Amino acid sequence: MYVKEFLGFIAGIHQVSKPSKRINELIEMTGLGLEQHKLIGALSKGYRQRVGLAQAMMHDPEVLILDEPTSGLDPNQLNDIRQLIQTLGEKKTVIFSTHIMQEVTALCDRVLIINRGNLVADDPIKVLQQRVISDHQIYITLEKKVNESAFAEITDIRKIKKLSEVSGYRYEIMAAADIRKDLFEWAVRNNQVILELTKSQVSVENVFRQLTQEKNV
């Protein structure tokens, strides 16, 4: 079946008023303009995903449930589908099911993790990441070398490890709190130039692994 013909069939099922107008809106929204007169079976997977989204949006639902919509797409198709889902999410509630944690990070505001039928997490991503952080992992690169003991005046530091002396002196610091402000002020007092000061972010993949492993023990 051809794309536009198929969408006309779906519009009939939902008894859409002004079907031609709605079909044209969805073709434009999903970027199917050049493909609308092609057979669905001849389309790439990315365009078939777009047809599926157009089908799901035909009756303008308030909630859209998508199951692995980005699976198996090439980078260009992946980017296009992501942008489309984000656009839909501005006006609709989109429930997005996936095992690909990078997609969760790229697309989701709120994350639910289900393990063996049990809900083990239901949080915004930033809150979810904080749930598994015991220490804050901070990286600082200085222009001038210092001994680890020089950091002693900063409270909350648990451990310091020198990583390299290439392009500056780089240290990994484990702390009980986010001490980046304290490190900046310490550097000013000690006439140090900071070349890098970053805090490591916990990936959603690591959060998923830790929460599900805890439940499996």
Foldseek 3Di string as FASTA:
>chain_A
DALLVVQLVLCVVVVPPPSVVLSVVLCVLLVCVVRRGDDLVPDDLLVVLSSVVSSQCSVPDQEAEEEPSQPPDDPVSNVSVLVSLQVVVVRHHYHYHDPDLVSCVSHHQWDWAAAPNRTQDTGGPVVLQVVPDQWWKKKWFWADDDDPCLCVVDPFWDDKDFDDPPPGTMIITTGRDQCQVVVVVSCVVVVIDIPDIDIDTDGVVNSNVVRNVVVVD
